[in-house]
PDB file of N, CA and C in Angstrom:
ATOM      1  N   MET A   1     219.916 181.149-137.517  1.00  0.00           N
ATOM      2  CA  MET A   1     220.531 181.861-138.736  1.00  0.00           C
ATOM      3  C   MET A   1     219.437 182.346-139.668  1.00  0.00           C
ATOM      4  N   GLY A   2     218.141 181.701-139.521  1.00  0.00           N
ATOM      5  CA  GLY A   2     217.101 182.175-140.357  1.00  0.00           C
ATOM      6  C   GLY A   2     216.300 183.265-139.947  1.00  0.00           C
ATOM      7  N   SER A   3     216.763 183.748-138.846  1.00  0.00           N
ATOM      8  CA  SER A   3     215.834 184.894-138.258  1.00  0.00           C
ATOM      9  C   SER A   3     216.175 186.402-139.124  1.00  0.00           C
ATOM     10  N   ARG A   4     215.286 187.119-139.036  1.00  0.00           N
ATOM     11  CA  ARG A   4     215.432 188.371-139.759  1.00  0.00           C
ATOM     12  C   ARG A   4     215.966 189.424-138.929  1.00  0.00           C
ATOM     13  N   GLN A   5     216.927 190.109-139.417  1.00  0.00           N
ATOM     14  CA  GLN A   5     217.556 191.355-138.511  1.00  0.00           C
ATOM     15  C   GLN A   5     216.621 192.507-138.554  1.00  0.00           C
ATOM     16  N   PRO A   6     216.508 193.111-137.405  1.00  0.00           N
ATOM     17  CA  PRO A   6     215.688 194.337-137.179  1.00  0.00           C
ATOM     18  C   PRO A   6     216.308 195.267-138.166  1.00  0.00           C
ATOM     19  N   ALA A   7     215.429 196.156-138.877  1.00  0.00           N
ATOM     20  CA  ALA A   7     215.961 197.158-139.722  1.00  0.00           C
ATOM     21  C   ALA A   7     216.936 198.164-139.163  1.00  0.00           C
ATOM     22  N   LYS A   8     216.694 198.478-137.978  1.00  0.00           N
ATOM     23  CA  LYS A   8     217.583 199.571-137.394  1.00  0.00           C
ATOM     24  C   LYS A   8     218.940 199.030-136.769  1.00  0.00           C
ATOM     25  N   ALA A   9     219.128 197.702-136.679  1.00  0.00           N
ATOM     26  CA  ALA A   9     220.216 197.137-136.019  1.00  0.00           C
ATOM     27  C   ALA A   9     221.432 197.284-136.963  1.00  0.00           C
ATOM     28  N   GLU A  10     222.517 197.806-136.393  1.00  0.00           N
ATOM     29  CA  GLU A  10     223.678 198.120-137.250  1.00  0.00           C
ATOM     30  C   GLU A  10     224.436 196.760-137.224  1.00  0.00           C
ATOM     31  N   LEU A  11     224.726 196.299-138.456  1.00  0.00           N
ATOM     32  CA  LEU A  11     225.523 195.011-138.634  1.00  0.00           C
ATOM     33  C   LEU A  11     226.955 195.330-139.342  1.00  0.00           C
ATOM     34  N   SER A  12     227.898 194.715-138.750  1.00  0.00           N
ATOM     35  CA  SER A  12     229.305 194.979-139.279  1.00  0.00           C
ATOM     36  C   SER A  12     229.345 194.233-140.535  1.00  0.00           C
ATOM     37  N   ALA A  13     230.391 194.436-141.341  1.00  0.00           N
ATOM     38  CA  ALA A  13     230.699 193.789-142.558  1.00  0.00           C
ATOM     39  C   ALA A  13     231.093 192.280-142.172  1.00  0.00           C
ATOM     40  N   GLU A  14     231.666 192.116-141.082  1.00  0.00           N
ATOM     41  CA  GLU A  14     232.072 190.833-140.585  1.00  0.00           C
ATOM     42  C   GLU A  14     230.754 190.038-140.258  1.00  0.00           C
ATOM     43  N   GLU A  15     229.841 190.515-139.582  1.00  0.00           N
ATOM     44  CA  GLU A  15     228.666 189.812-139.269  1.00  0.00           C
ATOM     45  C   GLU A  15     227.830 189.307-140.510  1.00  0.00           C
ATOM     46  N   ILE A  16     227.767 190.306-141.532  1.00  0.00           N
ATOM     47  CA  ILE A  16     227.026 190.004-142.690  1.00  0.00           C
ATOM     48  C   ILE A  16     227.788 188.785-143.516  1.00  0.00           C
ATOM     49  N   LEU A  17     229.024 188.926-143.485  1.00  0.00           N
ATOM     50  CA  LEU A  17     229.897 188.029-144.286  1.00  0.00           C
ATOM     51  C   LEU A  17     229.793 186.568-143.611  1.00  0.00           C
ATOM     52  N   ALA A  18     229.706 186.666-142.278  1.00  0.00           N
ATOM     53  CA  ALA A  18     229.691 185.341-141.619  1.00  0.00           C
ATOM     54  C   ALA A  18     228.350 184.602-141.984  1.00  0.00           C
ATOM     55  N   ASP A  19     227.253 185.385-141.902  1.00  0.00           N
ATOM     56  CA  ASP A  19     225.945 184.893-142.331  1.00  0.00           C
ATOM     57  C   ASP A  19     225.956 184.318-143.673  1.00  0.00           C
ATOM     58  N   LEU A  20     226.541 185.047-144.651  1.00  0.00           N
ATOM     59  CA  LEU A  20     226.512 184.597-146.043  1.00  0.00           C
ATOM     60  C   LEU A  20     227.434 183.344-146.132  1.00  0.00           C
ATOM     61  N   LYS A  21     228.557 183.185-145.401  1.00  0.00           N
ATOM     62  CA  LYS A  21     229.284 182.092-145.420  1.00  0.00           C
ATOM     63  C   LYS A  21     228.581 180.834-144.864  1.00  0.00           C
ATOM     64  N   GLY A  22     227.706 181.105-143.878  1.00  0.00           N
ATOM     65  CA  GLY A  22     226.740 179.977-143.357  1.00  0.00           C
ATOM     66  C   GLY A  22     225.896 179.597-144.305  1.00  0.00           C
ATOM     67  N   PHE A  23     225.247 180.535-144.993  1.00  0.00           N
ATOM     68  CA  PHE A  23     224.271 180.250-146.155  1.00  0.00           C
ATOM     69  C   PHE A  23     224.961 179.358-147.120  1.00  0.00           C
ATOM     70  N   PHE A  24     226.244 179.661-147.628  1.00  0.00           N
ATOM     71  CA  PHE A  24     226.834 178.842-148.681  1.00  0.00           C
ATOM     72  C   PHE A  24     227.279 177.651-148.173  1.00  0.00           C
ATOM     73  N   ALA A  25     227.687 177.497-146.845  1.00  0.00           N
ATOM     74  CA  ALA A  25     228.140 176.195-146.317  1.00  0.00           C
ATOM     75  C   ALA A  25     226.967 175.188-146.398  1.00  0.00           C
ATOM     76  N   THR A  26     225.691 175.784-146.012  1.00  0.00           N
ATOM     77  CA  THR A  26     224.720 174.841-146.068  1.00  0.00           C
ATOM     78  C   THR A  26     224.218 174.534-147.558  1.00  0.00           C
ATOM     79  N   ALA A  27     224.183 175.546-148.318  1.00  0.00           N
ATOM     80  CA  ALA A  27     223.558 175.485-149.677  1.00  0.00           C
ATOM     81  C   ALA A  27     224.501 174.639-150.645  1.00  0.00           C
ATOM     82  N   THR A  28     225.707 174.781-150.366  1.00  0.00           N
ATOM     83  CA  THR A  28     226.755 173.897-151.178  1.00  0.00           C
ATOM     84  C   THR A  28     227.484 172.810-150.565  1.00  0.00           C
ATOM     85  N   THR A  29     226.756 172.388-149.420  1.00  0.00           N
ATOM     86  CA  THR A  29     227.213 171.299-148.446  1.00  0.00           C
ATOM     87  C   THR A  29     228.835 171.484-148.118  1.00  0.00           C
ATOM     88  N   GLY A  30     229.062 172.577-147.725  1.00  0.00           N
ATOM     89  CA  GLY A  30     230.469 172.933-147.238  1.00  0.00           C
ATOM     90  C   GLY A  30     231.471 173.504-148.206  1.00  0.00           C
ATOM     91  N   ASP A  31     230.953 173.693-149.404  1.00  0.00           N
ATOM     92  CA  ASP A  31     232.033 174.135-150.511  1.00  0.00           C
ATOM     93  C   ASP A  31     231.764 175.735-150.430  1.00  0.00           C
ATOM     94  N   THR A  32     232.145 176.398-149.473  1.00  0.00           N
ATOM     95  CA  THR A  32     232.079 177.846-149.294  1.00  0.00           C
ATOM     96  C   THR A  32     233.268 178.561-149.980  1.00  0.00           C
ATOM     97  N   PRO A  33     232.818 179.464-150.901  1.00  0.00           N
ATOM     98  CA  PRO A  33     233.754 180.220-151.688  1.00  0.00           C
ATOM     99  C   PRO A  33     234.510 181.328-150.641  1.00  0.00           C
ATOM    100  N   GLY A  34     235.678 181.696-151.030  1.00  0.00           N
ATOM    101  CA  GLY A  34     236.386 182.817-150.349  1.00  0.00           C
ATOM    102  C   GLY A  34     235.654 184.097-150.524  1.00  0.00           C
ATOM    103  N   PRO A  35     235.927 185.122-149.790  1.00  0.00           N
ATOM    104  CA  PRO A  35     235.264 186.333-149.850  1.00  0.00           C
ATOM    105  C   PRO A  35     235.231 187.083-151.197  1.00  0.00           C
ATOM    106  N   ASP A  36     236.430 186.859-151.956  1.00  0.00           N
ATOM    107  CA  ASP A  36     236.461 187.672-153.272  1.00  0.00           C
ATOM    108  C   ASP A  36     236.358 186.624-154.379  1.00  0.00           C
ATOM    109  N   GLU A  37     236.018 185.411-154.230  1.00  0.00           N
ATOM    110  CA  GLU A  37     236.006 184.373-155.260  1.00  0.00           C
ATOM    111  C   GLU A  37     234.587 184.532-155.892  1.00  0.00           C
ATOM    112  N   ASP A  38     234.635 184.537-157.257  1.00  0.00           N
ATOM    113  CA  ASP A  38     233.474 184.583-158.144  1.00  0.00           C
ATOM    114  C   ASP A  38     232.760 183.181-158.091  1.00  0.00           C
ATOM    115  N   TYR A  39     231.845 182.924-157.247  1.00  0.00           N
ATOM    116  CA  TYR A  39     231.119 181.671-157.217  1.00  0.00           C
ATOM    117  C   TYR A  39     230.265 181.321-158.480  1.00  0.00           C
ATOM    118  N   PHE A  40     229.965 182.287-159.222  1.00  0.00           N
ATOM    119  CA  PHE A  40     229.367 182.052-160.491  1.00  0.00           C
ATOM    120  C   PHE A  40     230.322 181.326-161.464  1.00  0.00           C
ATOM    121  N   ALA A  41     231.469 181.930-161.660  1.00  0.00           N
ATOM    122  CA  ALA A  41     232.630 181.449-162.421  1.00  0.00           C
ATOM    123  C   ALA A  41     233.075 180.176-162.061  1.00  0.00           C
ATOM    124  N   LEU A  42     233.091 179.853-160.756  1.00  0.00           N
ATOM    125  CA  LEU A  42     233.571 178.637-160.079  1.00  0.00           C
ATOM    126  C   LEU A  42     232.439 177.488-160.348  1.00  0.00           C
ATOM    127  N   GLY A  43     231.242 177.881-160.766  1.00  0.00           N
ATOM    128  CA  GLY A  43     230.206 176.868-160.919  1.00  0.00           C
ATOM    129  C   GLY A  43     229.498 176.387-159.716  1.00  0.00           C
ATOM    130  N   LEU A  44     229.678 177.140-158.625  1.00  0.00           N
ATOM    131  CA  LEU A  44     228.997 176.794-157.443  1.00  0.00           C
ATOM    132  C   LEU A  44     227.580 177.245-157.354  1.00  0.00           C
ATOM    133  N   VAL A  45     227.155 178.314-158.161  1.00  0.00           N
ATOM    134  CA  VAL A  45     225.966 178.917-158.218  1.00  0.00           C
ATOM    135  C   VAL A  45     225.291 178.682-159.492  1.00  0.00           C
ATOM    136  N   ASN A  46     224.066 178.133-159.489  1.00  0.00           N
ATOM    137  CA  ASN A  46     223.214 178.085-160.638  1.00  0.00           C
ATOM    138  C   ASN A  46     222.013 179.222-160.517  1.00  0.00           C
ATOM    139  N   SER A  47     221.166 179.189-161.393  1.00  0.00           N
ATOM    140  CA  SER A  47     220.130 180.152-161.335  1.00  0.00           C
ATOM    141  C   SER A  47     219.240 179.907-160.111  1.00  0.00           C
ATOM    142  N   LEU A  48     218.967 178.717-159.746  1.00  0.00           N
ATOM    143  CA  LEU A  48     218.054 178.441-158.510  1.00  0.00           C
ATOM    144  C   LEU A  48     218.809 178.800-157.323  1.00  0.00           C
ATOM    145  N   LEU A  49     220.010 178.565-157.125  1.00  0.00           N
ATOM    146  CA  LEU A  49     220.660 179.002-155.967  1.00  0.00           C
ATOM    147  C   LEU A  49     220.959 180.494-155.958  1.00  0.00           C
ATOM    148  N   ALA A  50     221.070 181.083-157.105  1.00  0.00           N
ATOM    149  CA  ALA A  50     221.043 182.627-157.024  1.00  0.00           C
ATOM    150  C   ALA A  50     219.856 183.176-156.599  1.00  0.00           C
ATOM    151  N   LEU A  51     218.623 182.705-157.019  1.00  0.00           N
ATOM    152  CA  LEU A  51     217.355 183.054-156.436  1.00  0.00           C
ATOM    153  C   LEU A  51     217.271 182.909-155.041  1.00  0.00           C
ATOM    154  N   GLU A  52     217.713 181.736-154.468  1.00  0.00           N
ATOM    155  CA  GLU A  52     217.775 181.451-153.066  1.00  0.00           C
ATOM    156  C   GLU A  52     218.553 182.422-152.348  1.00  0.00           C
ATOM    157  N   LEU A  53     219.719 182.828-152.909  1.00  0.00           N
ATOM    158  CA  LEU A  53     220.672 183.748-152.229  1.00  0.00           C
ATOM    159  C   LEU A  53     219.799 185.096-152.163  1.00  0.00           C
ATOM    160  N   VAL A  54     219.247 185.655-153.158  1.00  0.00           N
ATOM    161  CA  VAL A  54     218.425 186.849-153.073  1.00  0.00           C
ATOM    162  C   VAL A  54     217.406 186.716-152.012  1.00  0.00           C
ATOM    163  N   ALA A  55     216.608 185.718-152.049  1.00  0.00           N
ATOM    164  CA  ALA A  55     215.651 185.543-151.108  1.00  0.00           C
ATOM    165  C   ALA A  55     216.156 185.511-149.565  1.00  0.00           C
ATOM    166  N   HIS A  56     217.295 184.873-149.388  1.00  0.00           N
ATOM    167  CA  HIS A  56     217.854 184.793-148.183  1.00  0.00           C
ATOM    168  C   HIS A  56     218.370 186.237-147.676  1.00  0.00           C
ATOM    169  N   VAL A  57     218.951 187.010-148.588  1.00  0.00           N
ATOM    170  CA  VAL A  57     219.368 188.318-148.178  1.00  0.00           C
ATOM    171  C   VAL A  57     218.212 189.162-147.886  1.00  0.00           C
ATOM    172  N   GLU A  58     217.158 189.076-148.613  1.00  0.00           N
ATOM    173  CA  GLU A  58     215.968 189.851-148.197  1.00  0.00           C
ATOM    174  C   GLU A  58     215.453 189.634-146.864  1.00  0.00           C
ATOM    175  N   ARG A  59     215.234 188.329-146.728  1.00  0.00           N
ATOM    176  CA  ARG A  59     214.669 187.782-145.491  1.00  0.00           C
ATOM    177  C   ARG A  59     215.647 188.078-144.287  1.00  0.00           C
ATOM    178  N   ARG A  60     216.787 187.631-144.448  1.00  0.00           N
ATOM    179  CA  ARG A  60     217.658 187.893-143.247  1.00  0.00           C
ATOM    180  C   ARG A  60     218.095 189.293-142.770  1.00  0.00           C
ATOM    181  N   PHE A  61     218.247 189.987-143.797  1.00  0.00           N
ATOM    182  CA  PHE A  61     218.642 191.358-143.607  1.00  0.00           C
ATOM    183  C   PHE A  61     217.604 192.522-143.622  1.00  0.00           C
ATOM    184  N   GLY A  62     216.354 192.049-143.938  1.00  0.00           N
ATOM    185  CA  GLY A  62     215.238 193.010-143.938  1.00  0.00           C
ATOM    186  C   GLY A  62     215.329 194.155-145.071  1.00  0.00           C
ATOM    187  N   ILE A  63     215.851 193.681-146.177  1.00  0.00           N
ATOM    188  CA  ILE A  63     215.860 194.624-147.291  1.00  0.00           C
ATOM    189  C   ILE A  63     215.131 194.085-148.464  1.00  0.00           C
ATOM    190  N   GLU A  64     214.835 194.962-149.321  1.00  0.00           N
ATOM    191  CA  GLU A  64     214.212 194.490-150.662  1.00  0.00           C
ATOM    192  C   GLU A  64     215.098 194.740-151.761  1.00  0.00           C
ATOM    193  N   VAL A  65     215.171 193.680-152.573  1.00  0.00           N
ATOM    194  CA  VAL A  65     216.107 193.583-153.655  1.00  0.00           C
ATOM    195  C   VAL A  65     215.143 193.791-154.778  1.00  0.00           C
ATOM    196  N   GLY A  66     215.279 195.136-155.442  1.00  0.00           N
ATOM    197  CA  GLY A  66     214.491 195.438-156.570  1.00  0.00           C
ATOM    198  C   GLY A  66     214.951 194.862-157.816  1.00  0.00           C
ATOM    199  N   LEU A  67     214.355 195.199-158.867  1.00  0.00           N
ATOM    200  CA  LEU A  67     214.685 194.666-160.258  1.00  0.00           C
ATOM    201  C   LEU A  67     216.109 195.337-160.570  1.00  0.00           C
ATOM    202  N   ALA A  68     216.165 196.660-160.436  1.00  0.00           N
ATOM    203  CA  ALA A  68     217.434 197.379-160.690  1.00  0.00           C
ATOM    204  C   ALA A  68     218.575 196.713-159.871  1.00  0.00           C
ATOM    205  N   ASP A  69     218.371 196.165-158.678  1.00  0.00           N
ATOM    206  CA  ASP A  69     219.491 195.561-157.801  1.00  0.00           C
ATOM    207  C   ASP A  69     219.969 194.323-158.342  1.00  0.00           C
ATOM    208  N   LEU A  70     219.256 193.620-159.224  1.00  0.00           N
ATOM    209  CA  LEU A  70     219.599 192.291-159.700  1.00  0.00           C
ATOM    210  C   LEU A  70     220.782 192.250-160.564  1.00  0.00           C
ATOM    211  N   ASP A  71     221.627 193.187-160.577  1.00  0.00           N
ATOM    212  CA  ASP A  71     222.882 193.308-161.321  1.00  0.00           C
ATOM    213  C   ASP A  71     223.927 192.194-160.662  1.00  0.00           C
ATOM    214  N   LEU A  72     224.310 191.363-161.656  1.00  0.00           N
ATOM    215  CA  LEU A  72     225.328 190.203-161.102  1.00  0.00           C
ATOM    216  C   LEU A  72     226.456 190.818-160.286  1.00  0.00           C
ATOM    217  N   ASP A  73     226.821 192.074-160.632  1.00  0.00           N
ATOM    218  CA  ASP A  73     227.976 192.633-159.707  1.00  0.00           C
ATOM    219  C   ASP A  73     227.581 192.707-158.315  1.00  0.00           C
ATOM    220  N   ASN A  74     226.378 192.840-158.021  1.00  0.00           N
ATOM    221  CA  ASN A  74     225.950 192.887-156.652  1.00  0.00           C
ATOM    222  C   ASN A  74     226.020 191.601-155.955  1.00  0.00           C
ATOM    223  N   PHE A  75     226.022 190.573-156.628  1.00  0.00           N
ATOM    224  CA  PHE A  75     225.947 189.171-156.137  1.00  0.00           C
ATOM    225  C   PHE A  75     227.007 188.337-156.497  1.00  0.00           C
ATOM    226  N   ARG A  76     228.082 188.666-157.176  1.00  0.00           N
ATOM    227  CA  ARG A  76     229.074 187.813-157.707  1.00  0.00           C
ATOM    228  C   ARG A  76     230.114 187.248-156.668  1.00  0.00           C
ATOM    229  N   THR A  77     230.226 187.904-155.530  1.00  0.00           N
ATOM    230  CA  THR A  77     231.227 187.404-154.540  1.00  0.00           C
ATOM    231  C   THR A  77     230.511 187.677-153.098  1.00  0.00           C
ATOM    232  N   LEU A  78     231.082 187.016-152.177  1.00  0.00           N
ATOM    233  CA  LEU A  78     230.489 187.349-150.844  1.00  0.00           C
ATOM    234  C   LEU A  78     230.799 188.771-150.431  1.00  0.00           C
ATOM    235  N   ASN A  79     231.934 189.235-150.739  1.00  0.00           N
ATOM    236  CA  ASN A  79     232.210 190.665-150.324  1.00  0.00           C
ATOM    237  C   ASN A  79     231.392 191.676-151.028  1.00  0.00           C
ATOM    238  N   ARG A  80     231.007 191.302-152.201  1.00  0.00           N
ATOM    239  CA  ARG A  80     230.097 192.321-153.015  1.00  0.00           C
ATOM    240  C   ARG A  80     228.631 192.234-152.425  1.00  0.00           C
ATOM    241  N   VAL A  81     228.267 191.067-151.944  1.00  0.00           N
ATOM    242  CA  VAL A  81     226.874 190.831-151.345  1.00  0.00           C
ATOM    243  C   VAL A  81     226.836 191.654-149.996  1.00  0.00           C
ATOM    244  N   THR A  82     227.969 191.519-149.304  1.00  0.00           N
ATOM    245  CA  THR A  82     228.078 192.107-148.050  1.00  0.00           C
ATOM    246  C   THR A  82     227.947 193.760-148.331  1.00  0.00           C
ATOM    247  N   GLU A  83     228.709 194.114-149.203  1.00  0.00           N
ATOM    248  CA  GLU A  83     228.578 195.711-149.397  1.00  0.00           C
ATOM    249  C   GLU A  83     227.324 196.086-149.939  1.00  0.00           C
ATOM    250  N   PHE A  84     226.708 195.285-150.774  1.00  0.00           N
ATOM    251  CA  PHE A  84     225.325 195.618-151.164  1.00  0.00           C
ATOM    252  C   PHE A  84     224.354 195.699-150.081  1.00  0.00           C
ATOM    253  N   VAL A  85     224.397 194.716-149.112  1.00  0.00           N
ATOM    254  CA  VAL A  85     223.492 194.550-148.014  1.00  0.00           C
ATOM    255  C   VAL A  85     223.761 195.959-147.070  1.00  0.00           C
ATOM    256  N   ARG A  86     225.040 196.300-146.903  1.00  0.00           N
ATOM    257  CA  ARG A  86     225.391 197.538-146.084  1.00  0.00           C
ATOM    258  C   ARG A  86     224.808 198.715-146.760  1.00  0.00           C
ATOM    259  N   ARG A  87     224.941 198.794-148.098  1.00  0.00           N
ATOM    260  CA  ARG A  87     224.333 200.012-148.845  1.00  0.00           C
ATOM    261  C   ARG A  87     222.886 200.158-148.667  1.00  0.00           C
ATOM    262  N   LYS A  88     222.231 198.994-148.867  1.00  0.00           N
ATOM    263  CA  LYS A  88     220.792 199.063-148.882  1.00  0.00           C
ATOM    264  C   LYS A  88     220.280 199.243-147.293  1.00  0.00           C
ATOM    265  N   ARG A  89     220.814 198.808-146.476  1.00  0.00           N
ATOM    266  CA  ARG A  89     220.447 198.960-145.041  1.00  0.00           C
ATOM    267  C   ARG A  89     220.721 200.447-144.664  1.00  0.00           C
ATOM    268  N   SER A  90     221.838 201.110-145.031  1.00  0.00           N
ATOM    269  CA  SER A  90     222.237 202.350-144.587  1.00  0.00           C
ATOM    270  C   SER A  90     221.263 203.432-145.377  1.00  0.00           C
ATOM    271  N   ALA A  91     220.723 203.039-146.494  1.00  0.00           N
ATOM    272  CA  ALA A  91     219.748 203.893-147.223  1.00  0.00           C
ATOM    273  C   ALA A  91     218.373 203.809-146.585  1.00  0.00           C
ATOM    274  N   GLY A  92     218.231 202.778-145.766  1.00  0.00           N
ATOM    275  CA  GLY A  92     216.871 202.613-145.176  1.00  0.00           C
ATOM    276  C   GLY A  92     215.820 202.199-146.049  1.00  0.00           C
ATOM    277  N   VAL A  93     216.278 201.396-147.148  1.00  0.00           N
ATOM    278  CA  VAL A  93     215.404 200.962-147.996  1.00  0.00           C
ATOM    279  C   VAL A  93     214.998 199.634-147.510  1.00  0.00           C
ATOM    280  N   SER A  94     213.684 199.256-147.411  1.00  0.00           N
ATOM    281  CA  SER A  94     213.278 197.933-146.905  1.00  0.00           C
ATOM    282  C   SER A  94     212.064 197.526-147.681  1.00  0.00           C
TER     283      SER A  94
END
């Protein structure tokens, strides 16, 4: 799970979502939120885990999360992170 995806490999939303669920299952000892649940509002994510999530997304999907990308709306739910990753990968930003 910790391996980096090649930048050119196409990933489906389902593959990205499955990876993110795995990250949360490990990071929150099994308390994985639903795809549209706001894990910040649920209290599952603190600032340290948020940084770990950003680092995981960069490393796992071969993208760079820039300062402008650190909008909470990009990282509020699993589905939003999935769409963010797909946008960044399709734009070829690494």
